[in-house]
Amino acid sequence: MASTTLTAQESWSLQKCVDYALENNLDVRQAQYNVQNSQTNVMQSKSQFLPSVNASAYYGYNFGQRIDPFTNQFAQSTVNTGNFNLNANWVLFSGLQNLNQLTQSQYDEKSSDFAYKNVQYLTSLAVTTSFLQILFNKETLDVANKQLEITNLQIDRTKKLVDAGSSPQGSLYDIEAQYAREELAQVNADNQVILSYLSLIHISEPTRRRGI
């Protein structure tokens, strides 16, 4: 297929289209984010079973003057203070709340992983369908173009027969009417090719970049 860039064109295989869609489709990216988020929730739920430890330290240094009671004179004094705290907390039982939360987060992880794989499958299927539709529409357009060429040759041949008096004028009108119908079919086939390309782009591109 043709690339969606405006500056150049290149041939894309079906696999390249699928890979591009799986990387850029907004639904796929959202499902992938949900998986990562559910995995984080499982880790947080498991951490609730671990003890929590808090530590803090303090050191102070004071320097100043005081009156010596023995000499009744000012004297320098220095005071050093220090403090260290260590607290540990471990919840042994909380009414199965932590266990239920872990179980729920694990189910959520499985659900989000299934949803991610499902949206990948649906996106790949949609891209494959659109890709095959492009091939079919291009083949239909090619047939329509060849039929126009054949009918155009028939018009030239019929004109010569009419001019020679060996064929009635009505036969020329019939073949010209047939050419008009086939020309309309060719235009419709060309439009279908364009629409099938746009459909594939619509699947592959993120929503914010879709202008369709």
Protein backbone atom coordinates (compact mmCIF):
# COMPACT_ATOMS: atom_id res chain seq x y z
CA MET A 1 0.00 0.00 0.00
CA ALA A 2 1.02 3.62 -0.35
CA SER A 3 2.54 5.38 2.63
CA THR A 4 0.46 8.04 4.36
CA THR A 5 3.29 10.58 4.22
CA LEU A 6 2.90 13.51 1.87
CA THR A 7 6.51 13.73 0.78
CA ALA A 8 7.08 10.24 -0.53
CA GLN A 9 5.49 6.89 -1.24
CA GLU A 10 6.67 3.41 -0.51
CA SER A 11 5.26 -0.08 -0.78
CA TRP A 12 3.98 -1.50 2.51
CA SER A 13 3.46 -5.21 3.09
CA LEU A 14 0.53 -6.55 5.11
CA GLN A 15 2.84 -7.37 8.01
CA LYS A 16 4.22 -3.83 8.05
CA CYS A 17 0.71 -2.41 8.11
CA VAL A 18 -0.26 -4.68 11.01
CA ASP A 19 2.89 -3.83 12.97
CA TYR A 20 2.35 -0.12 12.42
CA ALA A 21 -1.27 -0.33 13.58
CA LEU A 22 -0.37 -2.32 16.70
CA GLU A 23 2.17 0.34 17.61
CA ASN A 24 0.07 3.42 16.89
CA ASN A 25 -3.60 2.49 17.28
CA LEU A 26 -5.00 4.37 20.27
CA ASP A 27 -7.13 1.47 21.52
CA VAL A 28 -4.12 -0.85 21.52
CA ARG A 29 -1.97 1.69 23.34
CA GLN A 30 -4.69 2.27 25.95
CA ALA A 31 -5.05 -1.48 26.54
CA GLN A 32 -1.29 -1.78 26.93
CA TYR A 33 -1.31 1.02 29.50
CA ASN A 34 -4.08 -0.77 31.40
CA VAL A 35 -1.93 -3.90 31.59
CA GLN A 36 1.01 -1.95 32.97
CA ASN A 37 -1.24 -0.21 35.48
CA SER A 38 -2.74 -3.51 36.68
CA GLN A 39 0.73 -4.98 37.11
CA THR A 40 1.67 -2.03 39.28
CA ASN A 41 -1.44 -2.56 41.38
CA VAL A 42 -0.48 -6.20 41.96
CA MET A 43 2.96 -5.15 43.17
CA GLN A 44 1.43 -2.59 45.50
CA SER A 45 -1.00 -5.18 46.88
CA LYS A 46 1.86 -7.58 47.58
CA SER A 47 3.79 -4.85 49.35
CA GLN A 48 0.97 -4.56 51.91
CA PHE A 49 2.13 -7.89 53.39
CA LEU A 50 5.64 -6.56 54.07
CA PRO A 51 6.61 -4.70 57.25
CA SER A 52 7.11 -0.97 57.07
CA VAL A 53 10.21 0.59 58.62
CA ASN A 54 10.73 4.30 59.34
CA ALA A 55 13.97 5.81 60.60
CA SER A 56 14.92 9.38 61.54
CA ALA A 57 18.00 11.07 63.04
CA TYR A 58 18.64 14.47 64.56
CA TYR A 59 21.82 16.22 65.71
CA GLY A 60 22.02 19.66 67.27
CA TYR A 61 24.92 21.94 68.22
CA ASN A 62 24.42 24.98 70.49
CA PHE A 63 27.11 27.49 71.40
CA GLY A 64 26.71 30.52 73.68
CA GLN A 65 27.64 32.39 76.88
CA ARG A 66 26.54 31.78 80.46
CA ILE A 67 27.47 33.11 83.94
CA ASP A 68 29.77 30.85 85.87
CA PRO A 69 28.25 30.56 89.39
CA PHE A 70 31.67 30.01 90.93
CA THR A 71 33.50 33.00 89.40
CA ASN A 72 30.45 35.14 88.62
CA GLN A 73 31.93 35.79 85.17
CA PHE A 74 30.78 35.02 81.63
CA ALA A 75 31.91 31.68 80.31
CA GLN A 76 31.55 29.96 76.92
CA SER A 77 29.39 26.82 76.75
CA THR A 78 28.80 24.24 74.03
CA VAL A 79 25.88 21.78 74.01
CA ASN A 80 25.63 18.84 71.61
CA THR A 81 22.37 16.92 71.28
CA GLY A 82 21.52 13.86 69.21
CA ASN A 83 18.45 11.71 68.62
CA PHE A 84 17.78 8.59 66.53
CA ASN A 85 14.40 6.91 66.04
CA LEU A 86 13.57 3.61 64.38
CA ASN A 87 9.97 2.43 64.01
CA ALA A 88 8.75 -0.83 62.49
CA ASN A 89 5.15 -1.81 61.70
CA TRP A 90 3.84 -5.15 60.46
CA VAL A 91 0.16 -5.87 60.02
CA LEU A 92 -0.42 -9.52 60.91
CA PHE A 93 -4.18 -9.58 60.33
CA SER A 94 -6.56 -7.04 58.84
CA GLY A 95 -9.73 -9.03 58.36
CA LEU A 96 -8.41 -10.53 55.06
CA GLN A 97 -8.54 -7.05 53.53
CA ASN A 98 -5.00 -7.25 52.16
CA LEU A 99 -5.55 -10.76 50.85
CA ASN A 100 -8.79 -9.81 49.13
CA GLN A 101 -7.15 -6.73 47.63
CA LEU A 102 -4.32 -8.86 46.25
CA THR A 103 -6.76 -11.38 44.78
CA GLN A 104 -8.77 -8.59 43.16
CA SER A 105 -5.69 -6.96 41.67
CA GLN A 106 -4.53 -10.30 40.25
CA TYR A 107 -7.91 -10.83 38.58
CA ASP A 108 -7.73 -7.29 37.21
CA GLU A 109 -4.31 -8.05 35.77
CA LYS A 110 -5.60 -11.16 34.00
CA SER A 111 -8.61 -9.26 32.70
CA SER A 112 -6.54 -6.36 31.34
CA ASP A 113 -4.08 -8.79 29.74
CA PHE A 114 -6.94 -10.60 27.99
CA ALA A 115 -8.42 -7.29 26.85
CA TYR A 116 -5.02 -6.23 25.48
CA LYS A 117 -4.61 -9.43 23.48
CA ASN A 118 -8.20 -9.15 22.25
CA VAL A 119 -7.81 -5.59 20.98
CA GLN A 120 -4.55 -6.60 19.29
CA TYR A 121 -6.38 -9.43 17.53
CA LEU A 122 -9.29 -7.21 16.47
CA THR A 123 -6.94 -4.50 15.21
CA SER A 124 -4.87 -7.01 13.22
CA LEU A 125 -8.06 -8.46 11.76
CA ALA A 126 -9.36 -5.03 10.80
CA VAL A 127 -6.05 -4.11 9.14
CA THR A 128 -5.98 -7.40 7.24
CA THR A 129 -9.55 -6.91 6.04
CA SER A 130 -8.84 -3.35 4.90
CA PHE A 131 -5.62 -4.44 3.21
CA LEU A 132 -7.39 -7.18 1.26
CA GLN A 133 -10.18 -4.73 0.40
CA ILE A 134 -7.57 -2.43 -1.13
CA LEU A 135 -6.25 -5.26 -3.29
CA PHE A 136 -9.78 -6.19 -4.37
CA ASN A 137 -10.73 -2.60 -5.20
CA LYS A 138 -7.51 -2.06 -7.14
CA GLU A 139 -8.21 -5.22 -9.14
CA THR A 140 -11.76 -4.01 -9.81
CA LEU A 141 -10.38 -0.66 -10.99
CA ASP A 142 -7.90 -2.39 -13.27
CA VAL A 143 -10.71 -4.44 -14.83
CA ALA A 144 -12.81 -1.29 -15.28
CA ASN A 145 -9.92 0.49 -17.02
CA LYS A 146 -9.34 -2.41 -19.39
CA GLN A 147 -13.05 -2.63 -20.17
CA LEU A 148 -13.07 1.06 -21.06
CA GLU A 149 -10.20 0.49 -23.47
CA ILE A 150 -12.05 -2.38 -25.12
CA THR A 151 -15.31 -0.40 -25.41
CA ASN A 152 -13.45 2.58 -26.83
CA LEU A 153 -12.03 0.34 -29.55
CA GLN A 154 -15.54 -0.94 -30.26
CA ILE A 155 -16.76 2.65 -30.65
CA ASP A 156 -14.07 3.37 -33.23
CA ARG A 157 -14.92 0.17 -35.10
CA THR A 158 -18.68 0.87 -34.99
CA LYS A 159 -18.14 4.43 -36.28
CA LYS A 160 -16.30 3.05 -39.28
CA LEU A 161 -19.09 0.55 -39.97
CA VAL A 162 -21.74 3.26 -39.65
CA ASP A 163 -19.80 5.55 -41.99
CA ALA A 164 -19.47 2.69 -44.45
CA GLY A 165 -23.23 2.10 -44.28
CA SER A 166 -22.87 -1.49 -43.08
CA SER A 167 -24.17 -0.79 -39.57
CA PRO A 168 -27.13 1.33 -38.34
CA GLN A 169 -26.62 4.57 -36.43
CA GLY A 170 -28.45 3.11 -33.45
CA SER A 171 -25.68 0.58 -32.86
CA LEU A 172 -23.23 3.44 -32.36
CA TYR A 173 -25.56 5.08 -29.83
CA ASP A 174 -25.82 1.79 -27.96
CA ILE A 175 -22.09 1.32 -27.71
CA GLU A 176 -21.58 4.96 -26.64
CA ALA A 177 -24.19 4.52 -23.90
CA GLN A 178 -22.37 1.41 -22.77
CA TYR A 179 -19.11 3.39 -22.64
CA ALA A 180 -20.78 6.04 -20.43
CA ARG A 181 -21.96 3.37 -18.00
CA GLU A 182 -18.53 1.79 -17.87
CA GLU A 183 -16.92 5.19 -17.39
CA LEU A 184 -19.15 5.75 -14.34
CA ALA A 185 -18.19 2.31 -13.04
CA GLN A 186 -14.53 3.22 -13.47
CA VAL A 187 -14.99 6.44 -11.45
CA ASN A 188 -16.79 4.52 -8.70
CA ALA A 189 -14.03 1.89 -8.63
CA ASP A 190 -11.39 4.61 -8.33
CA ASN A 191 -13.29 6.18 -5.42
CA GLN A 192 -13.51 2.82 -3.68
CA VAL A 193 -9.73 2.45 -3.88
CA ILE A 194 -9.30 5.85 -2.22
CA LEU A 195 -11.86 5.04 0.48
CA SER A 196 -10.22 1.70 1.25
CA TYR A 197 -6.87 3.45 1.75
CA LEU A 198 -8.50 5.96 4.08
CA SER A 199 -10.14 3.12 6.01
CA LEU A 200 -6.77 1.48 6.60
CA ILE A 201 -5.24 4.77 7.70
CA HIS A 202 -8.17 5.32 10.06
CA ILE A 203 -7.44 2.01 11.79
CA SER A 204 -3.68 2.50 12.00
CA GLU A 205 -3.41 6.11 13.12
CA PRO A 206 -4.10 7.41 16.64
CA THR A 207 -7.39 9.26 17.04
CA ARG A 208 -5.71 12.62 17.53
CA ARG A 209 -4.13 12.33 14.08
CA ARG A 210 -7.24 11.14 12.30
CA GLY A 211 -8.85 13.71 10.08
CA ILE A 212 -11.47 11.47 8.54
